[in-house]
Amino acid sequence: MTLIIGGAYQGKLAYALNQFSLQESDVYFCSEEEPAMPPVARVVSGIDKWILALVRTNADVSSEIANFLKNRGNTIIICDDISSGVVPMDATSRKWRDAVGRAMPRNLQPGLP
């Protein structure tokens, strides 16, 4: 599994497609409106948006991420870094920001506690 994380509109997808010789047809684009687990795809782009959909439905994000990671050994996951800037005022945005922060290092980077 490969995690590519960085600021919005910084070329993460273009980098992944170029680095791994892939086409846009290899990419699944997550939506903040769809809480269903992304299908198996070579690249899952915008996992932060999927996490937002989960937060909005009060799903157990940790469990959903753990289930998502099963049998996805060579998946490339792309996530926008949403940890910078002013802390959001509304509770849902704060919960989303926390959920993405917890999911990225613990679940997607092997070897971290």
N, C-alpha and C. Protein backbone atom coordinates (compact mmCIF):
# COMPACT_ATOMS: atom_id res chain seq x y z
N MET A 1 0.84 -1.16 0.00
CA MET A 1 0.00 0.00 0.00
C MET A 1 0.89 1.23 0.00
N THR A 2 0.46 2.23 -0.75
CA THR A 2 1.19 3.49 -0.83
C THR A 2 0.25 4.62 -0.46
N LEU A 3 0.69 5.49 0.44
CA LEU A 3 -0.08 6.65 0.84
C LEU A 3 0.59 7.89 0.27
N ILE A 4 -0.18 8.69 -0.46
CA ILE A 4 0.30 9.97 -0.97
C ILE A 4 -0.57 11.04 -0.33
N ILE A 5 0.05 11.88 0.48
CA ILE A 5 -0.70 12.90 1.21
C ILE A 5 -0.03 14.25 0.98
N GLY A 6 -0.85 15.28 0.85
CA GLY A 6 -0.32 16.62 0.64
C GLY A 6 -1.45 17.61 0.46
N GLY A 7 -1.10 18.85 0.24
CA GLY A 7 -2.09 19.90 0.08
C GLY A 7 -2.97 19.68 -1.14
N ALA A 8 -4.14 20.30 -1.08
CA ALA A 8 -5.08 20.22 -2.20
C ALA A 8 -4.45 20.86 -3.44
N TYR A 9 -4.72 20.27 -4.59
CA TYR A 9 -4.28 20.79 -5.89
C TYR A 9 -2.76 20.91 -5.99
N GLN A 10 -2.06 19.94 -5.43
CA GLN A 10 -0.59 19.97 -5.48
C GLN A 10 -0.01 18.90 -6.40
N GLY A 11 -0.85 18.22 -7.17
CA GLY A 11 -0.36 17.27 -8.16
C GLY A 11 -0.19 15.85 -7.66
N LYS A 12 -0.86 15.49 -6.58
CA LYS A 12 -0.72 14.14 -6.02
C LYS A 12 -1.17 13.07 -7.00
N LEU A 13 -2.32 13.27 -7.63
CA LEU A 13 -2.83 12.28 -8.58
C LEU A 13 -1.93 12.18 -9.80
N ALA A 14 -1.54 13.30 -10.35
CA ALA A 14 -0.64 13.28 -11.52
C ALA A 14 0.66 12.55 -11.18
N TYR A 15 1.17 12.80 -9.99
CA TYR A 15 2.38 12.13 -9.54
C TYR A 15 2.15 10.61 -9.49
N ALA A 16 1.06 10.19 -8.89
CA ALA A 16 0.77 8.75 -8.77
C ALA A 16 0.64 8.10 -10.13
N LEU A 17 -0.10 8.74 -11.03
CA LEU A 17 -0.29 8.17 -12.36
C LEU A 17 1.04 8.04 -13.10
N ASN A 18 1.87 9.05 -12.99
CA ASN A 18 3.17 9.04 -13.65
C ASN A 18 4.13 8.04 -12.99
N GLN A 19 4.22 8.09 -11.69
CA GLN A 19 5.17 7.25 -10.94
C GLN A 19 4.88 5.76 -11.12
N PHE A 20 3.60 5.40 -11.19
CA PHE A 20 3.22 3.99 -11.25
C PHE A 20 2.70 3.57 -12.62
N SER A 21 2.88 4.42 -13.63
CA SER A 21 2.47 4.13 -15.01
C SER A 21 1.01 3.69 -15.09
N LEU A 22 0.13 4.51 -14.56
CA LEU A 22 -1.30 4.20 -14.52
C LEU A 22 -2.07 5.19 -15.38
N GLN A 23 -3.34 4.87 -15.61
CA GLN A 23 -4.26 5.73 -16.35
C GLN A 23 -5.35 6.21 -15.40
N GLU A 24 -6.05 7.25 -15.81
CA GLU A 24 -7.12 7.76 -14.96
C GLU A 24 -8.23 6.71 -14.77
N SER A 25 -8.35 5.78 -15.68
CA SER A 25 -9.34 4.70 -15.53
C SER A 25 -9.00 3.77 -14.37
N ASP A 26 -7.78 3.84 -13.85
CA ASP A 26 -7.37 3.04 -12.70
C ASP A 26 -7.75 3.69 -11.37
N VAL A 27 -8.38 4.86 -11.44
CA VAL A 27 -8.62 5.67 -10.24
C VAL A 27 -10.10 5.64 -9.86
N TYR A 28 -10.34 5.45 -8.55
CA TYR A 28 -11.67 5.65 -7.99
C TYR A 28 -11.63 6.97 -7.22
N PHE A 29 -12.56 7.88 -7.53
CA PHE A 29 -12.62 9.17 -6.87
C PHE A 29 -13.69 9.14 -5.78
N CYS A 30 -13.28 9.31 -4.53
CA CYS A 30 -14.21 9.31 -3.41
C CYS A 30 -15.06 10.57 -3.43
N SER A 31 -16.22 10.46 -2.82
CA SER A 31 -17.15 11.58 -2.73
C SER A 31 -17.52 11.80 -1.26
N GLU A 32 -17.64 13.06 -0.88
CA GLU A 32 -18.04 13.36 0.49
C GLU A 32 -19.52 13.07 0.71
N GLU A 33 -20.23 12.72 -0.34
CA GLU A 33 -21.66 12.40 -0.26
C GLU A 33 -21.92 10.90 -0.16
N GLU A 34 -20.90 10.07 -0.39
CA GLU A 34 -21.09 8.62 -0.48
C GLU A 34 -20.34 7.90 0.65
N PRO A 35 -21.07 7.46 1.69
CA PRO A 35 -20.40 6.77 2.80
C PRO A 35 -20.10 5.29 2.55
N ALA A 36 -20.56 4.75 1.41
CA ALA A 36 -20.25 3.34 1.11
C ALA A 36 -18.75 3.19 0.86
N MET A 37 -18.23 2.04 1.24
CA MET A 37 -16.81 1.78 1.09
C MET A 37 -16.40 1.86 -0.38
N PRO A 38 -15.28 2.54 -0.66
CA PRO A 38 -14.80 2.60 -2.05
C PRO A 38 -14.53 1.19 -2.59
N PRO A 39 -14.82 0.97 -3.87
CA PRO A 39 -14.55 -0.35 -4.45
C PRO A 39 -13.04 -0.58 -4.58
N VAL A 40 -12.68 -1.82 -4.83
CA VAL A 40 -11.28 -2.14 -5.06
C VAL A 40 -10.84 -1.46 -6.35
N ALA A 41 -9.81 -0.68 -6.25
CA ALA A 41 -9.25 0.03 -7.40
C ALA A 41 -7.76 0.17 -7.17
N ARG A 42 -7.02 0.36 -8.21
CA ARG A 42 -5.56 0.52 -8.08
C ARG A 42 -5.23 1.80 -7.32
N VAL A 43 -6.01 2.88 -7.56
CA VAL A 43 -5.82 4.16 -6.88
C VAL A 43 -7.16 4.59 -6.28
N VAL A 44 -7.14 4.96 -5.01
CA VAL A 44 -8.32 5.54 -4.36
C VAL A 44 -7.94 6.97 -4.02
N SER A 45 -8.58 7.90 -4.71
CA SER A 45 -8.24 9.31 -4.56
C SER A 45 -9.30 10.03 -3.73
N GLY A 46 -8.83 10.85 -2.79
CA GLY A 46 -9.74 11.64 -1.97
C GLY A 46 -10.32 10.88 -0.80
N ILE A 47 -9.51 10.03 -0.19
CA ILE A 47 -10.03 9.26 0.95
C ILE A 47 -10.51 10.17 2.07
N ASP A 48 -9.98 11.38 2.14
CA ASP A 48 -10.46 12.36 3.13
C ASP A 48 -11.93 12.70 2.90
N LYS A 49 -12.37 12.70 1.65
CA LYS A 49 -13.78 12.97 1.34
C LYS A 49 -14.66 11.82 1.81
N TRP A 50 -14.18 10.58 1.62
CA TRP A 50 -14.93 9.42 2.09
C TRP A 50 -15.06 9.47 3.61
N ILE A 51 -13.99 9.85 4.29
CA ILE A 51 -14.04 9.96 5.75
C ILE A 51 -15.05 11.02 6.17
N LEU A 52 -15.16 12.11 5.43
CA LEU A 52 -16.17 13.13 5.73
C LEU A 52 -17.57 12.53 5.62
N ALA A 53 -17.82 11.75 4.58
CA ALA A 53 -19.13 11.10 4.43
C ALA A 53 -19.41 10.18 5.62
N LEU A 54 -18.38 9.47 6.09
CA LEU A 54 -18.55 8.60 7.25
C LEU A 54 -18.87 9.41 8.51
N VAL A 55 -18.15 10.50 8.71
CA VAL A 55 -18.38 11.34 9.88
C VAL A 55 -19.80 11.89 9.86
N ARG A 56 -20.27 12.31 8.71
CA ARG A 56 -21.62 12.87 8.60
C ARG A 56 -22.70 11.85 8.94
N THR A 57 -22.40 10.55 8.77
CA THR A 57 -23.39 9.51 9.09
C THR A 57 -23.12 8.88 10.46
N ASN A 58 -22.19 9.46 11.22
CA ASN A 58 -21.82 8.97 12.55
C ASN A 58 -21.32 7.53 12.52
N ALA A 59 -20.68 7.14 11.45
CA ALA A 59 -20.10 5.80 11.33
C ALA A 59 -18.85 5.69 12.20
N ASP A 60 -18.46 4.48 12.52
CA ASP A 60 -17.22 4.23 13.25
C ASP A 60 -16.08 4.26 12.23
N VAL A 61 -15.42 5.41 12.13
CA VAL A 61 -14.41 5.62 11.09
C VAL A 61 -13.27 4.62 11.21
N SER A 62 -12.81 4.35 12.41
CA SER A 62 -11.69 3.40 12.59
C SER A 62 -12.05 2.03 12.05
N SER A 63 -13.24 1.56 12.35
CA SER A 63 -13.67 0.24 11.85
C SER A 63 -13.81 0.24 10.34
N GLU A 64 -14.37 1.31 9.80
CA GLU A 64 -14.54 1.40 8.35
C GLU A 64 -13.20 1.42 7.63
N ILE A 65 -12.24 2.16 8.17
CA ILE A 65 -10.89 2.20 7.57
C ILE A 65 -10.26 0.82 7.64
N ALA A 66 -10.38 0.15 8.79
CA ALA A 66 -9.80 -1.19 8.94
C ALA A 66 -10.41 -2.16 7.93
N ASN A 67 -11.72 -2.10 7.73
CA ASN A 67 -12.38 -2.96 6.75
C ASN A 67 -11.94 -2.62 5.33
N PHE A 68 -11.79 -1.34 5.06
CA PHE A 68 -11.35 -0.88 3.74
C PHE A 68 -9.98 -1.44 3.40
N LEU A 69 -9.09 -1.49 4.38
CA LEU A 69 -7.71 -1.89 4.13
C LEU A 69 -7.52 -3.39 3.89
N LYS A 70 -8.51 -4.20 4.24
CA LYS A 70 -8.39 -5.64 4.02
C LYS A 70 -8.23 -5.93 2.53
N ASN A 71 -7.24 -6.73 2.19
CA ASN A 71 -6.99 -7.17 0.82
C ASN A 71 -6.74 -6.03 -0.17
N ARG A 72 -6.09 -4.98 0.27
CA ARG A 72 -5.77 -3.86 -0.62
C ARG A 72 -4.27 -3.60 -0.61
N GLY A 73 -3.50 -4.66 -0.64
CA GLY A 73 -2.05 -4.56 -0.51
C GLY A 73 -1.35 -3.63 -1.46
N ASN A 74 -1.77 -3.55 -2.71
CA ASN A 74 -1.03 -2.70 -3.66
C ASN A 74 -1.83 -1.45 -4.06
N THR A 75 -2.79 -1.07 -3.24
CA THR A 75 -3.59 0.12 -3.52
C THR A 75 -2.79 1.38 -3.22
N ILE A 76 -2.96 2.38 -4.05
CA ILE A 76 -2.38 3.70 -3.83
C ILE A 76 -3.50 4.58 -3.29
N ILE A 77 -3.30 5.14 -2.11
CA ILE A 77 -4.31 5.97 -1.47
C ILE A 77 -3.84 7.41 -1.49
N ILE A 78 -4.72 8.29 -1.96
CA ILE A 78 -4.39 9.71 -2.04
C ILE A 78 -5.30 10.47 -1.08
N CYS A 79 -4.68 11.31 -0.25
CA CYS A 79 -5.42 12.06 0.76
C CYS A 79 -4.95 13.51 0.78
N ASP A 80 -5.91 14.44 0.84
CA ASP A 80 -5.55 15.84 1.05
C ASP A 80 -5.19 16.03 2.51
N ASP A 81 -4.14 16.79 2.76
CA ASP A 81 -3.75 17.15 4.12
C ASP A 81 -4.68 18.27 4.57
N ILE A 82 -5.54 17.97 5.52
CA ILE A 82 -6.49 18.97 6.01
C ILE A 82 -6.14 19.44 7.41
N SER A 83 -4.91 19.18 7.84
CA SER A 83 -4.52 19.46 9.22
C SER A 83 -4.02 20.88 9.45
N SER A 84 -3.83 21.65 8.41
CA SER A 84 -3.28 23.00 8.58
C SER A 84 -4.39 24.04 8.68
N GLY A 85 -4.02 25.19 9.14
CA GLY A 85 -4.96 26.30 9.18
C GLY A 85 -5.71 26.41 10.48
N VAL A 86 -6.71 27.25 10.47
CA VAL A 86 -7.52 27.53 11.65
C VAL A 86 -8.42 26.34 11.94
N VAL A 87 -8.59 26.03 13.22
CA VAL A 87 -9.48 24.95 13.61
C VAL A 87 -10.91 25.35 13.24
N PRO A 88 -11.64 24.46 12.56
CA PRO A 88 -13.00 24.80 12.12
C PRO A 88 -13.93 25.09 13.30
N MET A 89 -14.90 25.96 13.06
CA MET A 89 -15.85 26.32 14.12
C MET A 89 -16.93 25.28 14.32
N ASP A 90 -17.38 24.63 13.24
CA ASP A 90 -18.48 23.69 13.42
C ASP A 90 -17.97 22.31 13.84
N ALA A 91 -18.77 21.62 14.63
CA ALA A 91 -18.38 20.36 15.24
C ALA A 91 -18.10 19.27 14.21
N THR A 92 -18.88 19.20 13.14
CA THR A 92 -18.68 18.16 12.13
C THR A 92 -17.32 18.32 11.46
N SER A 93 -16.96 19.54 11.12
CA SER A 93 -15.66 19.77 10.48
C SER A 93 -14.50 19.44 11.42
N ARG A 94 -14.65 19.74 12.69
CA ARG A 94 -13.60 19.39 13.66
C ARG A 94 -13.48 17.87 13.80
N LYS A 95 -14.62 17.20 13.87
CA LYS A 95 -14.62 15.74 13.99
C LYS A 95 -14.00 15.11 12.75
N TRP A 96 -14.31 15.64 11.57
CA TRP A 96 -13.73 15.14 10.31
C TRP A 96 -12.23 15.32 10.31
N ARG A 97 -11.77 16.50 10.68
CA ARG A 97 -10.33 16.79 10.72
C ARG A 97 -9.62 15.83 11.67
N ASP A 98 -10.21 15.59 12.83
CA ASP A 98 -9.62 14.65 13.79
C ASP A 98 -9.61 13.23 13.23
N ALA A 99 -10.72 12.82 12.57
CA ALA A 99 -10.81 11.46 12.04
C ALA A 99 -9.77 11.22 10.95
N VAL A 100 -9.57 12.18 10.07
CA VAL A 100 -8.56 12.04 9.02
C VAL A 100 -7.17 11.96 9.65
N GLY A 101 -6.92 12.82 10.63
CA GLY A 101 -5.62 12.81 11.31
C GLY A 101 -5.33 11.49 11.99
N ARG A 102 -6.35 10.89 12.59
CA ARG A 102 -6.16 9.59 13.25
C ARG A 102 -5.99 8.46 12.24
N ALA A 103 -6.73 8.53 11.16
CA ALA A 103 -6.71 7.44 10.18
C ALA A 103 -5.41 7.36 9.41
N MET A 104 -4.84 8.48 9.05
CA MET A 104 -3.66 8.45 8.19
C MET A 104 -2.46 7.76 8.82
N PRO A 105 -1.95 8.18 9.94
CA PRO A 105 -0.74 7.52 10.43
C PRO A 105 -0.99 6.13 10.99
N ARG A 106 -2.03 5.95 11.73
CA ARG A 106 -2.25 4.70 12.45
C ARG A 106 -2.63 3.56 11.51
N ASN A 107 -3.51 3.82 10.59
CA ASN A 107 -4.03 2.74 9.76
C ASN A 107 -3.34 2.58 8.41
N LEU A 108 -2.83 3.65 7.86
CA LEU A 108 -2.33 3.57 6.51
C LEU A 108 -0.82 3.51 6.39
N GLN A 109 -0.12 3.71 7.49
CA GLN A 109 1.33 3.64 7.44
C GLN A 109 1.79 2.48 8.32
N PRO A 110 2.21 1.38 7.72
CA PRO A 110 2.60 0.21 8.49
C PRO A 110 3.70 0.52 9.49
N GLY A 111 3.59 -0.10 10.64
CA GLY A 111 4.64 0.01 11.64
C GLY A 111 4.43 1.11 12.66
N LEU A 112 3.43 1.98 12.45
CA LEU A 112 3.19 3.02 13.45
C LEU A 112 2.18 2.51 14.46
N PRO A 113 2.31 2.95 15.71
CA PRO A 113 1.38 2.48 16.77
C PRO A 113 -0.03 3.01 16.56
